[in-house]
Amino acid sequence: MSNGVNLPEDVVEDILTRLPATSLGRFRCVSKPWRARISHPLFVRTHLSRNNHRKRVLARSDGGCLYSLNFDNNVVGIAKILNFQVNASAKFQGFCNGLVLIVDDDNRSVVLFNPTTQESSELPVSTFENPPRRIHDVRYGLGYDSGTDGYKVVKLILRRWSSNILVDIYEIKSGCWRGLKNLSCPYFKLVWRGGGIFVNGSLHWLAARNTIIAFNLAEEKFSEMPLPSGCMISRRGQLVGLDGCLGTICWSEEDDGGIWLMKEHGAAGFWIRFPLPEKGCGGVPAQGLCSLVDGEILLNDYLTRYFWCNVQERRSRKMRLCGGLPQGDSSSHPTYRPLGAFVENLARLT
């Protein structure tokens, strides 16, 4: 009697690329050939494309611990505590294909973190670490260049009263920074403190005068596009990336606000507005975390409550946090601050 069945290699490959990352992490230890197979760039890309529906929310507690939250129906559950802690001064400046960019100005550090593999990598000192005087602002973004099949970190250094800015680009494949000096760009003042939003090959930042500044990672050039007519950005406004669409959340004291999503990205693009539910149903949303099917978007408000918002039917439902505090968090009464959504990605950071 046979002891087992030998499946064709292509069948094994197809099965493995559909498994959760936690299972594949254990399979790495089976043998060197299996480890090489699971670490191969083509396998990593295929696994990412087949598992981008497995969305999680990255959250931080008051004690600096990071958590992976999962959600099902009306419940948000604490999946696990991640083996990575951050200081209170750390800012999360980019989410792209499951990778996270963390900037800590107090410690002068820039770190890439993969919540799936729990691997982290501190980036070396950038080309323009000691920039010239009269600096107005420094911003970051994380994106993917499909032409080179690589991830890039972009650092913008804005100088006062100048249309020429300094751009530093870090590529994971090369492991080093590359500076672009005096890159021509319309003068702008960024008004939103978050990192660049990666959509359709470009990073986007919200600028003054109701403008969006975009930086194309393949061409390494700037462009600008106006916000939709009637969309006035206040201090509560933000850019979001929702299932491949660039969006902006506008909220004011006078109305219920809305979510604008761009269709046909670029100069030929057009915006569609979806009103938000009444304030009593969901409070003032602070972040649009991710979107699922049937027109629903996961939002959270300033009280760290979670809501599914159906933008087409203009209704919302509250989600409750389920699960106790995992061991390892020193917070006596932790509050889980959502940071952004991520998907499973097996990509290496070095």
Protein backbone atom coordinates (compact mmCIF):
# COMPACT_ATOMS: atom_id res chain seq x y z
CA MET A 1 0.00 0.00 0.00
CA SER A 2 1.34 3.44 -0.88
CA ASN A 3 2.45 5.64 2.00
CA GLY A 4 1.32 8.81 0.29
CA VAL A 5 0.43 10.63 -2.91
CA ASN A 6 2.98 12.72 -4.78
CA LEU A 7 1.22 15.74 -6.19
CA PRO A 8 2.55 17.54 -9.27
CA GLU A 9 4.74 20.54 -8.45
CA ASP A 10 2.36 23.02 -10.04
CA VAL A 11 -0.51 21.70 -7.90
CA VAL A 12 1.60 22.01 -4.74
CA GLU A 13 2.53 25.55 -5.75
CA ASP A 14 -1.10 26.47 -6.34
CA ILE A 15 -2.15 25.11 -2.95
CA LEU A 16 0.66 26.82 -1.05
CA THR A 17 0.00 30.26 -2.56
CA ARG A 18 -3.56 30.15 -1.23
CA LEU A 19 -2.63 29.35 2.37
CA PRO A 20 -2.47 31.94 5.19
CA ALA A 21 0.96 33.37 5.95
CA THR A 22 0.96 31.79 9.42
CA SER A 23 0.83 28.32 7.88
CA LEU A 24 3.57 29.14 5.39
CA GLY A 25 5.75 30.41 8.22
CA ARG A 26 5.70 26.92 9.72
CA PHE A 27 6.34 25.30 6.33
CA ARG A 28 9.58 27.26 5.97
CA CYS A 29 11.08 24.91 8.54
CA VAL A 30 10.19 21.72 6.63
CA SER A 31 13.29 21.76 4.43
CA LYS A 32 15.67 24.08 2.60
CA PRO A 33 13.89 23.55 -0.74
CA TRP A 34 10.56 24.53 0.82
CA ARG A 35 12.12 27.59 2.42
CA ALA A 36 13.60 28.60 -0.93
CA ARG A 37 10.27 28.03 -2.65
CA ILE A 38 8.27 30.15 -0.19
CA SER A 39 10.90 32.92 -0.27
CA HIS A 40 11.05 33.13 -4.08
CA PRO A 41 9.91 36.56 -5.39
CA LEU A 42 7.42 35.00 -7.83
CA PHE A 43 5.85 32.95 -5.03
CA VAL A 44 5.66 36.06 -2.82
CA ARG A 45 3.91 38.08 -5.55
CA THR A 46 1.44 35.28 -6.32
CA HIS A 47 0.64 34.78 -2.64
CA LEU A 48 0.04 38.52 -2.20
CA SER A 49 -2.35 38.70 -5.15
CA ARG A 50 -4.34 35.70 -3.91
CA ASN A 51 -4.55 36.77 -0.29
CA ASN A 52 -5.18 40.52 -0.47
CA HIS A 53 -8.70 39.87 0.84
CA ARG A 54 -7.24 38.86 4.23
CA LYS A 55 -7.20 42.34 5.66
CA ARG A 56 -6.09 43.21 9.15
CA VAL A 57 -5.94 46.48 11.08
CA LEU A 58 -2.70 47.54 12.73
CA ALA A 59 -3.33 49.19 16.11
CA ARG A 60 -1.17 50.64 18.86
CA SER A 61 -1.83 50.58 22.59
CA ASP A 62 -0.91 53.31 25.07
CA GLY A 63 2.06 51.17 26.13
CA GLY A 64 3.56 51.22 22.64
CA CYS A 65 2.65 47.63 21.74
CA LEU A 66 1.43 46.88 18.24
CA TYR A 67 -1.54 44.61 17.62
CA SER A 68 -2.99 42.88 14.62
CA LEU A 69 -6.78 43.19 14.70
CA ASN A 70 -9.09 41.06 12.61
CA PHE A 71 -12.75 41.72 12.00
CA ASP A 72 -15.72 39.56 11.22
CA ASN A 73 -19.33 40.71 10.94
CA ASN A 74 -19.86 43.13 13.87
CA VAL A 75 -16.87 42.09 15.97
CA VAL A 76 -13.30 43.37 15.97
CA GLY A 77 -11.02 40.80 17.54
CA ILE A 78 -7.46 41.10 18.87
CA ALA A 79 -5.64 38.54 16.77
CA LYS A 80 -2.21 38.79 18.39
CA ILE A 81 0.38 41.09 19.86
CA LEU A 82 3.24 41.78 17.47
CA ASN A 83 6.87 41.42 18.41
CA PHE A 84 7.60 45.11 17.86
CA GLN A 85 7.22 48.18 20.06
CA VAL A 86 7.27 51.85 19.20
CA ASN A 87 7.80 55.07 21.13
CA ALA A 88 5.06 57.62 21.64
CA SER A 89 6.83 59.89 19.14
CA ALA A 90 6.67 57.32 16.33
CA LYS A 91 4.55 58.22 13.31
CA PHE A 92 3.18 55.72 10.83
CA GLN A 93 3.83 57.34 7.49
CA GLY A 94 2.98 54.68 4.95
CA PHE A 95 1.08 51.45 4.27
CA CYS A 96 1.66 49.55 1.04
CA ASN A 97 0.89 45.90 0.27
CA GLY A 98 1.21 44.91 3.90
CA LEU A 99 4.44 46.82 4.60
CA VAL A 100 4.51 49.72 7.06
CA LEU A 101 6.76 52.80 7.23
CA ILE A 102 7.48 54.15 10.72
CA VAL A 103 9.27 57.47 11.31
CA ASP A 104 10.51 58.54 14.75
CA ASP A 105 11.89 62.08 14.63
CA ASP A 106 12.96 61.99 18.29
CA ASN A 107 15.22 59.00 17.65
CA ARG A 108 16.04 60.13 14.10
CA SER A 109 15.05 56.72 12.77
CA VAL A 110 13.11 55.45 9.76
CA VAL A 111 11.98 51.82 9.97
CA LEU A 112 10.22 49.43 7.62
CA PHE A 113 8.04 46.83 9.34
CA ASN A 114 6.23 43.78 7.99
CA PRO A 115 3.42 42.82 10.43
CA THR A 116 2.94 39.47 8.70
CA THR A 117 6.51 38.19 9.12
CA GLN A 118 7.20 40.60 12.04
CA GLU A 119 10.47 41.50 10.35
CA SER A 120 11.76 45.07 10.71
CA SER A 121 14.62 46.97 9.11
CA GLU A 122 15.99 50.36 10.12
CA LEU A 123 16.96 52.39 7.10
CA PRO A 124 20.43 53.95 6.83
CA VAL A 125 21.00 57.68 7.03
CA SER A 126 19.43 59.37 4.02
CA THR A 127 21.32 61.39 1.43
CA PHE A 128 19.90 64.69 2.67
CA GLU A 129 20.08 63.91 6.40
CA ASN A 130 21.61 67.37 7.01
CA PRO A 131 19.53 69.50 4.64
CA PRO A 132 20.15 73.18 3.97
CA ARG A 133 18.65 75.87 6.15
CA ARG A 134 15.17 77.30 5.80
CA ILE A 135 13.49 73.92 5.67
CA HIS A 136 9.71 74.18 5.70
CA ASP A 137 8.67 70.55 6.08
CA VAL A 138 9.72 66.90 5.68
CA ARG A 139 7.28 64.21 4.54
CA TYR A 140 7.50 60.51 3.74
CA GLY A 141 5.69 57.89 1.68
CA LEU A 142 5.94 54.18 0.88
CA GLY A 143 4.99 52.66 -2.47
CA TYR A 144 5.58 49.90 -4.99
CA ASP A 145 7.23 50.31 -8.41
CA SER A 146 5.80 47.60 -10.66
CA GLY A 147 8.42 48.33 -13.32
CA THR A 148 11.29 47.28 -11.07
CA ASP A 149 9.18 44.99 -8.85
CA GLY A 150 10.49 46.81 -5.81
CA TYR A 151 9.34 48.95 -2.89
CA LYS A 152 10.47 52.54 -2.50
CA VAL A 153 10.50 54.95 0.43
CA VAL A 154 10.20 58.59 -0.65
CA LYS A 155 11.35 61.47 1.54
CA LEU A 156 10.33 65.00 0.58
CA ILE A 157 12.23 68.01 1.92
CA LEU A 158 10.31 71.21 1.28
CA ARG A 159 12.15 74.52 1.38
CA ARG A 160 10.52 77.84 2.13
CA TRP A 161 9.50 79.96 -0.86
CA SER A 162 11.04 77.61 -3.41
CA SER A 163 9.48 75.48 -6.16
CA ASN A 164 12.52 73.19 -6.11
CA ILE A 165 12.46 70.50 -3.46
CA LEU A 166 14.80 67.74 -2.39
CA VAL A 167 13.64 64.17 -2.94
CA ASP A 168 15.35 61.16 -1.37
CA ILE A 169 14.43 57.67 -2.58
CA TYR A 170 15.27 54.46 -0.74
CA GLU A 171 14.94 51.17 -2.62
CA ILE A 172 14.71 47.95 -0.62
CA LYS A 173 16.47 46.02 -3.39
CA SER A 174 19.57 48.22 -3.33
CA GLY A 175 19.47 48.99 0.39
CA CYS A 176 20.55 52.61 -0.10
CA TRP A 177 19.21 56.11 -0.64
CA ARG A 178 19.38 58.01 -3.92
CA GLY A 179 18.95 61.77 -3.93
CA LEU A 180 17.17 63.87 -6.55
CA LYS A 181 18.17 67.51 -6.33
CA ASN A 182 16.17 70.53 -7.46
CA LEU A 183 13.31 68.51 -8.90
CA SER A 184 10.90 70.91 -10.54
CA CYS A 185 7.49 71.02 -8.95
CA PRO A 186 4.75 73.61 -8.51
CA TYR A 187 5.16 75.33 -5.16
CA PHE A 188 2.93 73.75 -2.59
CA LYS A 189 2.35 73.61 1.13
CA LEU A 190 1.27 70.25 2.49
CA VAL A 191 -1.62 70.58 4.92
CA TRP A 192 -2.18 66.99 6.04
CA ARG A 193 0.30 65.49 8.50
CA GLY A 194 -0.10 61.90 7.33
CA GLY A 195 2.24 60.05 5.00
CA GLY A 196 1.77 59.74 1.27
CA ILE A 197 -1.12 57.59 0.06
CA PHE A 198 -0.06 55.04 -2.55
CA VAL A 199 -2.56 54.49 -5.36
CA ASN A 200 -2.04 53.51 -9.01
CA GLY A 201 1.75 53.79 -9.01
CA SER A 202 1.94 57.21 -7.33
CA LEU A 203 2.20 58.65 -3.84
CA HIS A 204 -0.28 61.41 -2.98
CA TRP A 205 -0.18 64.22 -0.42
CA LEU A 206 -2.88 66.75 0.40
CA ALA A 207 -1.74 70.31 -0.28
CA ALA A 208 -3.07 73.82 0.24
CA ARG A 209 -5.46 75.47 -2.20
CA ASN A 210 -7.49 72.25 -2.42
CA THR A 211 -4.80 70.46 -4.39
CA ILE A 212 -3.36 66.95 -4.40
CA ILE A 213 0.35 66.53 -5.14
CA ALA A 214 1.29 63.19 -6.76
CA PHE A 215 4.74 61.63 -7.22
CA ASN A 216 5.00 58.85 -9.80
CA LEU A 217 7.41 56.18 -8.55
CA ALA A 218 8.31 54.83 -12.00
CA GLU A 219 8.86 58.18 -13.72
CA GLU A 220 9.97 59.94 -10.53
CA LYS A 221 8.08 63.07 -11.50
CA PHE A 222 5.54 65.31 -9.75
CA SER A 223 2.08 66.22 -10.93
CA GLU A 224 -0.91 67.90 -9.34
CA MET A 225 -4.65 67.47 -9.47
CA PRO A 226 -7.48 69.51 -7.97
CA LEU A 227 -9.80 68.25 -5.30
CA PRO A 228 -13.40 67.74 -6.42
CA SER A 229 -15.50 70.86 -6.72
CA GLY A 230 -17.25 71.62 -3.45
CA CYS A 231 -14.84 69.57 -1.36
CA MET A 232 -13.25 71.88 1.20
CA ILE A 233 -10.55 70.29 3.31
CA SER A 234 -10.50 71.27 6.98
CA ARG A 235 -8.24 70.07 9.74
CA ARG A 236 -10.32 66.88 9.83
CA GLY A 237 -9.87 66.13 6.15
CA GLN A 238 -7.65 63.33 4.93
CA LEU A 239 -6.63 61.32 1.90
CA VAL A 240 -7.34 57.61 1.83
CA GLY A 241 -6.66 54.68 -0.45
CA LEU A 242 -9.67 52.37 -0.73
CA ASP A 243 -9.33 49.25 -2.86
CA GLY A 244 -7.21 50.89 -5.53
CA CYS A 245 -9.10 54.20 -5.56
CA LEU A 246 -7.82 57.51 -4.27
CA GLY A 247 -10.30 59.12 -1.93
CA THR A 248 -10.69 62.04 0.40
CA ILE A 249 -12.84 62.33 3.50
CA CYS A 250 -14.30 65.80 4.01
CA TRP A 251 -16.07 66.67 7.23
CA SER A 252 -17.35 69.97 8.53
CA GLU A 253 -19.48 71.24 11.39
CA GLU A 254 -22.17 72.36 8.95
CA ASP A 255 -22.95 69.02 7.28
CA ASP A 256 -22.43 65.30 7.54
CA GLY A 257 -19.47 65.33 5.21
CA GLY A 258 -18.72 62.79 2.57
CA ILE A 259 -16.25 60.41 1.02
CA TRP A 260 -15.09 61.33 -2.46
CA LEU A 261 -13.59 58.52 -4.57
CA MET A 262 -11.65 59.15 -7.77
CA LYS A 263 -12.48 57.05 -10.78
CA GLU A 264 -10.17 56.93 -13.81
CA HIS A 265 -7.06 58.09 -11.96
CA GLY A 266 -5.14 61.06 -13.39
CA ALA A 267 -6.01 64.07 -15.49
CA ALA A 268 -9.00 62.30 -17.05
CA GLY A 269 -10.29 61.15 -13.69
CA PHE A 270 -13.56 62.16 -12.12
CA TRP A 271 -14.84 62.10 -8.55
CA ILE A 272 -17.92 60.47 -7.06
CA ARG A 273 -19.26 61.67 -3.71
CA PHE A 274 -20.83 59.34 -1.16
CA PRO A 275 -22.47 61.08 1.83
CA LEU A 276 -21.48 59.85 5.25
CA PRO A 277 -24.12 58.62 7.70
CA GLU A 278 -25.67 61.00 10.19
CA LYS A 279 -23.33 62.08 12.99
CA GLY A 280 -25.40 60.26 15.56
CA CYS A 281 -24.74 56.94 13.83
CA GLY A 282 -21.00 57.08 13.82
CA GLY A 283 -19.56 60.22 15.29
CA VAL A 284 -16.87 62.14 13.45
CA PRO A 285 -14.66 59.65 11.59
CA ALA A 286 -10.93 60.04 12.04
CA GLN A 287 -9.74 57.39 9.61
CA GLY A 288 -10.99 55.38 6.70
CA LEU A 289 -9.20 52.11 7.36
CA CYS A 290 -10.23 49.83 4.54
CA SER A 291 -13.11 48.89 2.30
CA LEU A 292 -14.80 45.59 1.62
CA VAL A 293 -17.43 44.44 -0.84
CA ASP A 294 -20.97 45.80 -1.09
CA GLY A 295 -19.81 49.40 -0.68
CA GLU A 296 -18.85 49.16 2.99
CA ILE A 297 -15.89 51.00 4.52
CA LEU A 298 -14.38 50.42 7.94
CA LEU A 299 -14.10 53.73 9.80
CA ASN A 300 -13.03 54.69 13.28
CA ASP A 301 -13.81 57.87 15.19
CA TYR A 302 -11.81 59.92 17.67
CA LEU A 303 -13.11 57.73 20.51
CA THR A 304 -11.48 54.67 18.87
CA ARG A 305 -14.85 53.14 18.06
CA TYR A 306 -15.21 51.13 14.85
CA PHE A 307 -18.04 51.37 12.34
CA TRP A 308 -18.94 49.70 9.09
CA CYS A 309 -20.16 52.50 6.85
CA ASN A 310 -22.22 51.69 3.79
CA VAL A 311 -21.58 54.75 1.66
CA GLN A 312 -24.20 53.90 -0.95
CA GLU A 313 -27.06 53.25 1.47
CA ARG A 314 -25.79 55.93 3.88
CA ARG A 315 -26.00 53.83 7.02
CA SER A 316 -23.52 52.52 9.55
CA ARG A 317 -23.30 49.91 12.26
CA LYS A 318 -21.04 49.84 15.26
CA MET A 319 -18.48 47.10 15.80
CA ARG A 320 -17.37 45.99 19.23
CA LEU A 321 -13.84 45.08 20.29
CA CYS A 322 -13.68 41.49 21.45
CA GLY A 323 -10.89 39.87 23.46
CA GLY A 324 -8.82 40.66 26.51
CA LEU A 325 -5.41 42.24 26.76
CA PRO A 326 -2.71 39.86 25.50
CA GLN A 327 0.28 39.25 27.72
CA GLY A 328 3.18 41.56 27.12
CA ASP A 329 1.44 44.94 27.20
CA SER A 330 2.29 47.03 30.26
CA SER A 331 -0.71 49.37 29.83
CA SER A 332 -3.06 49.22 32.81
CA HIS A 333 -6.06 50.47 30.81
CA PRO A 334 -5.03 50.18 27.17
CA THR A 335 -6.66 52.07 24.35
CA TYR A 336 -6.25 50.62 20.89
CA ARG A 337 -5.47 53.35 18.39
CA PRO A 338 -6.01 52.12 14.82
CA LEU A 339 -3.17 53.02 12.48
CA GLY A 340 -4.16 51.54 9.16
CA ALA A 341 -5.05 48.38 7.28
CA PHE A 342 -2.62 45.81 5.93
CA VAL A 343 -2.73 42.56 3.99
CA GLU A 344 -0.58 39.45 4.29
CA ASN A 345 2.77 39.86 2.54
CA LEU A 346 5.76 37.51 2.71
CA ALA A 347 8.17 40.09 1.24
CA ARG A 348 11.60 40.39 2.82
CA LEU A 349 12.86 43.82 3.89
CA THR A 350 16.56 43.20 3.19
